[in-house]
Protein backbone atom coordinates (compact mmCIF):
# COMPACT_ATOMS: atom_id res chain seq x y z
CA MET A 1 -27.92 -9.46 14.64
CA GLN A 2 -27.65 -10.35 10.97
CA TYR A 3 -24.01 -11.24 10.44
CA GLN A 4 -23.06 -11.82 6.82
CA GLY A 5 -20.80 -14.73 5.89
CA LYS A 6 -18.33 -16.50 8.13
CA VAL A 7 -17.55 -14.60 11.32
CA TYR A 8 -14.16 -14.59 13.06
CA ARG A 9 -12.74 -12.94 16.14
CA PRO A 10 -9.40 -13.45 17.95
CA TRP A 11 -9.47 -15.81 20.92
CA PRO A 12 -8.53 -13.01 23.39
CA GLU A 13 -11.85 -11.36 22.40
CA ALA A 14 -13.99 -14.34 23.41
CA GLN A 15 -16.06 -12.22 25.81
CA SER A 16 -16.53 -9.26 23.47
CA VAL A 17 -19.73 -8.36 21.64
CA LEU A 18 -19.15 -8.50 17.88
CA ILE A 19 -20.25 -5.67 15.60
CA GLN A 20 -19.80 -6.14 11.86
CA ALA A 21 -18.44 -2.91 10.39
CA THR A 22 -16.96 -4.31 7.17
CA LEU A 23 -17.42 -7.42 5.07
CA GLY A 24 -14.39 -9.50 4.17
CA CYS A 25 -10.73 -8.50 4.06
CA SER A 26 -9.17 -5.62 2.12
CA ASN A 27 -6.21 -7.86 1.17
CA ASN A 28 -7.75 -11.34 1.00
CA GLN A 29 -4.80 -12.83 -0.89
CA CYS A 30 -2.77 -14.53 1.87
CA THR A 31 -1.93 -18.06 0.77
CA PHE A 32 -2.50 -19.57 4.23
CA CYS A 33 -5.93 -18.00 4.87
CA THR A 34 -9.50 -18.76 3.78
CA MET A 35 -11.26 -16.69 6.43
CA PHE A 36 -13.06 -14.39 4.03
CA ASP A 37 -13.17 -16.36 0.78
CA ASP A 38 -16.97 -16.24 0.86
CA LYS A 39 -17.28 -12.47 0.35
CA ARG A 40 -15.66 -9.45 -1.26
CA PHE A 41 -14.43 -6.57 0.85
CA LYS A 42 -17.05 -3.92 1.51
CA VAL A 43 -17.67 -1.24 4.10
CA ARG A 44 -21.15 -1.71 5.54
CA ASP A 45 -23.74 1.03 5.37
CA ILE A 46 -23.52 3.19 8.48
CA ASP A 47 -27.26 2.97 9.15
CA ASP A 48 -27.09 -0.83 9.16
CA VAL A 49 -24.21 -0.75 11.64
CA PHE A 50 -26.10 1.70 13.85
CA ALA A 51 -29.18 -0.54 13.74
CA ASP A 52 -27.07 -3.49 14.91
CA ILE A 53 -25.69 -1.43 17.79
CA ASP A 54 -29.19 -0.40 18.88
CA ARG A 55 -30.33 -4.01 18.61
CA LEU A 56 -27.46 -5.13 20.83
CA ARG A 57 -28.49 -2.63 23.49
CA MET A 58 -31.90 -4.32 23.61
CA PHE A 59 -30.33 -7.71 24.33
CA TYR A 60 -27.38 -6.87 26.59
CA ARG A 61 -27.71 -4.92 29.81
CA HIS A 62 -23.94 -4.67 30.28
CA VAL A 63 -21.39 -4.52 27.44
CA PRO A 64 -17.86 -3.91 28.74
CA SER A 65 -16.07 -4.95 25.55
CA VAL A 66 -16.72 -4.67 21.79
CA PHE A 67 -14.81 -6.14 18.85
CA LEU A 68 -15.36 -4.77 15.35
CA ILE A 69 -15.32 -7.29 12.50
CA ASP A 70 -14.59 -8.26 9.64
CA GLY A 71 -11.00 -8.12 8.45
CA ASN A 72 -9.17 -4.78 8.28
CA VAL A 73 -11.86 -2.53 9.74
CA MET A 74 -9.18 0.17 9.79
CA ALA A 75 -9.53 0.32 6.00
CA MET A 76 -12.74 2.35 6.26
CA ARG A 77 -12.69 6.14 6.12
CA THR A 78 -11.74 7.72 9.42
CA ASP A 79 -14.86 9.88 9.64
CA LYS A 80 -17.10 6.83 9.27
CA LEU A 81 -15.13 4.79 11.78
CA LEU A 82 -15.32 7.69 14.22
CA GLN A 83 -19.10 7.73 13.85
CA ILE A 84 -19.24 4.05 14.73
CA LEU A 85 -16.95 4.46 17.74
CA ASN A 86 -18.97 7.43 19.00
CA LYS A 87 -22.20 5.47 18.54
CA ILE A 88 -20.77 2.56 20.54
CA THR A 89 -19.61 4.72 23.45
CA ALA A 90 -22.90 6.66 23.49
CA THR A 91 -25.00 3.47 23.40
CA PHE A 92 -22.81 1.52 25.81
CA PRO A 93 -21.36 4.07 28.27
CA GLU A 94 -20.10 1.17 30.37
CA CYS A 95 -17.87 -0.06 27.51
CA GLU A 96 -14.17 0.17 28.40
CA HIS A 97 -12.63 -1.77 25.51
CA ILE A 98 -13.11 -1.41 21.75
CA ALA A 99 -10.90 -3.47 19.44
CA LEU A 100 -10.71 -4.23 15.73
CA TYR A 101 -8.76 -5.98 13.00
CA ALA A 102 -6.33 -3.67 11.19
CA GLY A 103 -3.91 -4.25 8.34
CA ILE A 104 -0.55 -2.52 8.68
CA ASN A 105 -0.98 -0.72 5.37
CA ASP A 106 -4.48 0.42 6.34
CA ILE A 107 -2.90 1.95 9.45
CA ARG A 108 -0.21 3.61 7.33
CA ARG A 109 -2.80 5.22 5.07
CA LYS A 110 -4.08 7.27 7.99
CA SER A 111 -2.40 10.29 9.52
CA ILE A 112 -1.15 10.44 13.09
CA ASP A 113 -3.92 12.96 13.81
CA GLU A 114 -6.55 10.55 12.48
CA LEU A 115 -5.19 7.73 14.64
CA LYS A 116 -5.23 10.01 17.68
CA GLN A 117 -8.86 10.86 16.95
CA LEU A 118 -9.70 7.13 16.89
CA LYS A 119 -7.93 6.68 20.21
CA ALA A 120 -9.84 9.60 21.73
CA ALA A 121 -13.12 8.14 20.43
CA GLY A 122 -12.56 4.92 22.36
CA LEU A 123 -10.40 2.60 20.23
CA THR A 124 -8.11 0.75 22.63
CA ILE A 125 -6.32 -1.94 20.62
CA ALA A 126 -5.81 -3.11 17.04
CA TYR A 127 -5.16 -6.73 16.07
CA THR A 128 -2.66 -6.95 13.22
CA GLY A 129 -1.39 -10.01 11.40
CA LEU A 130 2.40 -9.90 11.18
CA GLU A 131 2.65 -13.60 10.27
CA SER A 132 6.43 -13.40 9.69
CA GLY A 133 9.28 -10.93 9.84
CA ASP A 134 11.11 -12.76 7.05
CA GLU A 135 10.84 -10.78 3.81
CA LEU A 136 10.94 -13.95 1.69
CA VAL A 137 8.14 -15.57 3.67
CA GLN A 138 6.11 -12.36 3.49
CA GLN A 139 6.41 -12.42 -0.30
CA LYS A 140 5.55 -16.11 -0.59
CA ILE A 141 2.38 -15.80 1.50
CA LYS A 142 1.28 -12.69 -0.45
CA LYS A 143 0.84 -10.62 2.69
CA GLY A 144 1.23 -7.41 0.71
CA MET A 145 3.53 -5.65 3.16
CA THR A 146 7.21 -5.34 3.99
CA SER A 147 9.09 -5.25 7.28
CA LYS A 148 9.83 -1.57 6.67
CA GLN A 149 6.09 -0.91 6.42
CA VAL A 150 5.48 -2.86 9.63
CA ILE A 151 8.01 -0.69 11.46
CA GLU A 152 6.42 2.47 10.08
CA GLY A 153 2.86 1.45 10.94
CA MET A 154 3.77 0.32 14.44
CA ALA A 155 5.59 3.60 15.13
CA MET A 156 2.46 5.49 14.08
CA MET A 157 0.27 3.48 16.45
CA LYS A 158 2.66 4.07 19.34
CA GLN A 159 2.64 7.79 18.64
CA ALA A 160 -1.16 7.74 18.64
CA GLY A 161 -1.30 5.74 21.88
CA ILE A 162 -3.23 2.78 20.43
CA ARG A 163 -2.11 -0.63 21.67
CA VAL A 164 -1.32 -3.28 19.08
CA LEU A 165 -1.48 -7.06 19.25
CA LEU A 166 0.72 -8.63 16.58
CA SER A 167 -0.10 -12.21 15.65
CA PHE A 168 2.31 -14.50 13.82
CA ILE A 169 2.61 -18.13 12.88
CA PHE A 170 5.15 -20.68 14.09
CA GLY A 171 6.13 -22.86 11.15
CA LEU A 172 5.16 -20.48 8.36
CA GLY A 173 8.66 -20.71 6.92
CA GLY A 174 8.17 -24.43 6.40
CA ARG A 175 10.75 -27.10 7.14
CA ASP A 176 13.53 -25.43 5.15
CA ARG A 177 13.18 -21.84 6.38
CA SER A 178 12.19 -22.34 10.00
CA LEU A 179 15.25 -20.66 11.52
CA GLN A 180 15.26 -17.67 9.15
CA HIS A 181 11.55 -17.16 9.76
CA ILE A 182 11.72 -17.10 13.55
CA LYS A 183 14.94 -15.07 13.68
CA ALA A 184 13.56 -12.36 11.41
CA THR A 185 10.24 -12.35 13.24
CA THR A 186 11.91 -11.99 16.63
CA ASP A 187 14.14 -9.20 15.31
CA LEU A 188 11.11 -7.31 13.99
CA LEU A 189 9.26 -7.72 17.29
CA ASN A 190 12.27 -6.28 19.13
CA ILE A 191 12.25 -3.27 16.81
CA THR A 192 8.50 -2.60 16.94
CA GLN A 193 7.89 -3.64 20.58
CA PRO A 194 4.14 -4.33 20.40
CA GLU A 195 2.15 -4.29 23.61
CA GLU A 196 0.86 -7.82 22.98
CA ILE A 197 1.74 -10.76 20.74
CA ALA A 198 -0.17 -13.89 19.78
CA PRO A 199 1.94 -16.69 18.28
CA MET A 200 0.13 -19.71 16.90
CA ALA A 201 1.22 -22.94 15.25
CA LEU A 202 0.63 -23.25 11.52
CA ALA A 203 -2.66 -24.84 10.51
CA ILE A 204 -3.27 -25.69 6.86
CA GLN A 205 -6.70 -24.37 5.94
CA PRO A 206 -8.71 -26.60 3.58
CA GLY A 207 -9.04 -24.95 0.19
CA SER A 208 -6.19 -22.50 0.77
CA GLU A 209 -3.43 -21.82 -1.74
CA LEU A 210 -0.94 -23.07 0.85
CA GLU A 211 -2.76 -26.41 1.02
CA GLN A 212 -2.24 -26.75 -2.73
CA GLU A 213 1.46 -25.94 -2.31
CA VAL A 214 1.72 -28.71 0.31
CA GLN A 215 -0.02 -31.18 -1.97
CA ARG A 216 2.34 -30.31 -4.85
CA GLY A 217 5.38 -30.66 -2.59
CA GLU A 218 6.28 -26.97 -2.96
CA PHE A 219 5.86 -26.31 0.78
CA VAL A 220 7.18 -28.91 3.21
CA LEU A 221 5.49 -28.73 6.58
CA PRO A 222 7.71 -28.14 9.62
CA THR A 223 8.11 -30.85 12.21
CA PRO A 224 6.57 -30.44 15.68
CA LEU A 225 10.13 -30.23 17.03
CA GLN A 226 10.80 -27.25 14.77
CA ILE A 227 7.63 -25.57 16.03
CA LEU A 228 8.83 -25.95 19.60
CA GLU A 229 12.33 -24.78 18.72
CA GLU A 230 10.87 -21.67 17.11
CA GLU A 231 9.02 -20.83 20.32
CA LYS A 232 12.16 -21.49 22.33
CA TYR A 233 14.16 -19.11 20.13
CA LEU A 234 11.47 -16.47 20.45
CA LEU A 235 11.35 -16.67 24.25
CA GLU A 236 15.13 -16.65 24.57
CA ASN A 237 15.70 -13.71 22.25
CA LEU A 238 12.85 -11.25 22.81
CA ASP A 239 14.18 -8.09 24.42
CA GLN A 240 13.02 -6.87 27.81
CA PHE A 241 10.01 -4.65 27.16
CA PRO A 242 6.44 -4.76 28.56
CA LEU A 243 4.70 -7.51 26.60
CA PHE A 244 1.62 -9.66 27.11
CA TYR A 245 2.10 -13.14 25.67
CA TRP A 246 -0.98 -14.88 24.21
CA GLY A 247 0.72 -18.21 23.60
CA ASP A 248 -2.38 -20.25 24.38
CA HIS A 249 -3.89 -20.73 20.93
CA GLY A 250 -5.55 -24.12 20.63
CA ASN A 251 -3.07 -25.32 17.98
CA ASN A 252 0.04 -24.57 20.04
CA ILE A 253 1.89 -27.53 21.51
CA VAL A 254 2.65 -25.62 24.71
CA SER A 255 0.08 -23.24 26.20
CA SER A 256 1.31 -20.08 27.94
CA ARG A 257 -0.41 -16.78 28.69
CA GLY A 258 0.65 -13.81 30.77
CA TRP A 259 3.15 -10.96 31.10
CA LEU A 260 6.41 -12.12 29.59
CA GLN A 261 8.66 -10.13 31.94
CA ASP A 262 7.15 -12.03 34.89
CA ASN A 263 6.93 -15.49 33.31
CA ARG A 264 9.66 -15.85 30.68
CA GLN A 265 11.58 -18.59 32.51
CA LEU A 266 8.39 -20.51 33.28
CA TYR A 267 7.37 -20.47 29.60
CA LEU A 268 10.88 -21.48 28.54
CA ASP A 269 10.89 -24.35 31.03
CA LYS A 270 7.59 -25.61 29.60
CA VAL A 271 8.92 -25.49 26.04
CA ASN A 272 12.22 -27.16 27.00
CA HIS A 273 10.32 -29.89 28.85
CA ALA A 274 8.18 -30.51 25.77
CA ILE A 275 11.28 -30.65 23.53
CA ALA A 276 12.86 -33.24 25.82
CA ASN A 277 9.81 -35.32 26.72
CA HIS A 278 6.76 -34.74 24.52
CA PRO A 279 6.12 -37.73 22.20
CA ILE A 280 4.90 -35.34 19.51
CA THR A 281 8.52 -34.42 18.80
CA GLN A 282 8.95 -37.88 17.23
CA GLN A 283 6.31 -37.11 14.61
CA GLN A 284 7.03 -35.54 11.23
CA ILE A 285 3.92 -33.33 11.03
CA LEU A 286 2.00 -31.39 13.66
CA MET A 287 -1.69 -32.20 13.33
CA THR A 288 -3.61 -28.95 13.85
CA SER A 289 -7.24 -27.94 13.52
CA PRO A 290 -8.44 -25.41 10.90
CA TRP A 291 -9.54 -22.08 12.34
C-alpha cells in the first residue's frame, strides 16, 4: 500500500483495513483540526484505488471490515464511489462492514436514491463530525455547516438506511460557553437520533488555528470539571432511543463504551464519581494528547 500523507481512522475502526479513496478533506478549514494540512483535497484515480484493493487481497486472507479514507470520501461522485464499493465486495466477498468519513454537506449533495444505491452496494456506516450543536461554536470553528443542515443530512441517511456515527467534542465551547455548547449538542442529537455517537475531550492540535487563539487569550480552555459536567449533562438528557456510546476515546477522563439504553446509569455513576473524587477536577486545564 502506498498511502499518501498522514493517515487517520476513527478508533472504532482499529481492526479495519484502510483503503485511500481521497486525499485530504473537502472542507479543511476547521480551527481545531490539522489532520489534513499536508495535502489538498483530491479524489484518487480509480485505477490506483483498484490496484490497492488487489494488493490488499494478496496480503490478507480474510478481510471482514474496510474503512475508506481520507476525509469526506462521500464528496466523490456517486458513480465512482459505487465502483469502489463494488470492487471491494467482489474482491473481499467475506467483507461485512464498509465505512467512510462523510461531511454532512457532502451527504446533502446526494439524492436519496444515490444514498440508497451506496447502501445496496455495501456501505454500512458513515462517520460524520458534528463537533457541536451550538450555532455560534459551529461558526467559530469554521465547520461550514448549520444545525439545520445536520438535521437534513441525518434525515436523508436514515431514509437511505445508512447508519451514522456522529462525533463531537467536549469542551469545544471553551470555558465561557460550555453549558450552551453541550445543551445545543444534546438537543441536536435528540432531534437527529444517530445510531452511534463518539464524544471526545478537546485536544489542542499543535499548529492549529485554535492553538493560536489559545495563545492569544481569545479561547479560554475549559476546566476538567467542566468536561465532566458536559458528559454528565449529555448522559442525563439524551432521549431514549437505540444508541451505541463510544465514550472511550483516549483523551476522555472517564471511559465508557456500550449500548446507552443498557448502561446509562453505570456511565452516569462513573462520571459522578469522577466529579466527586478525581483529583483532576482540581486542575485548571485538562492535559490531552494530540490526535
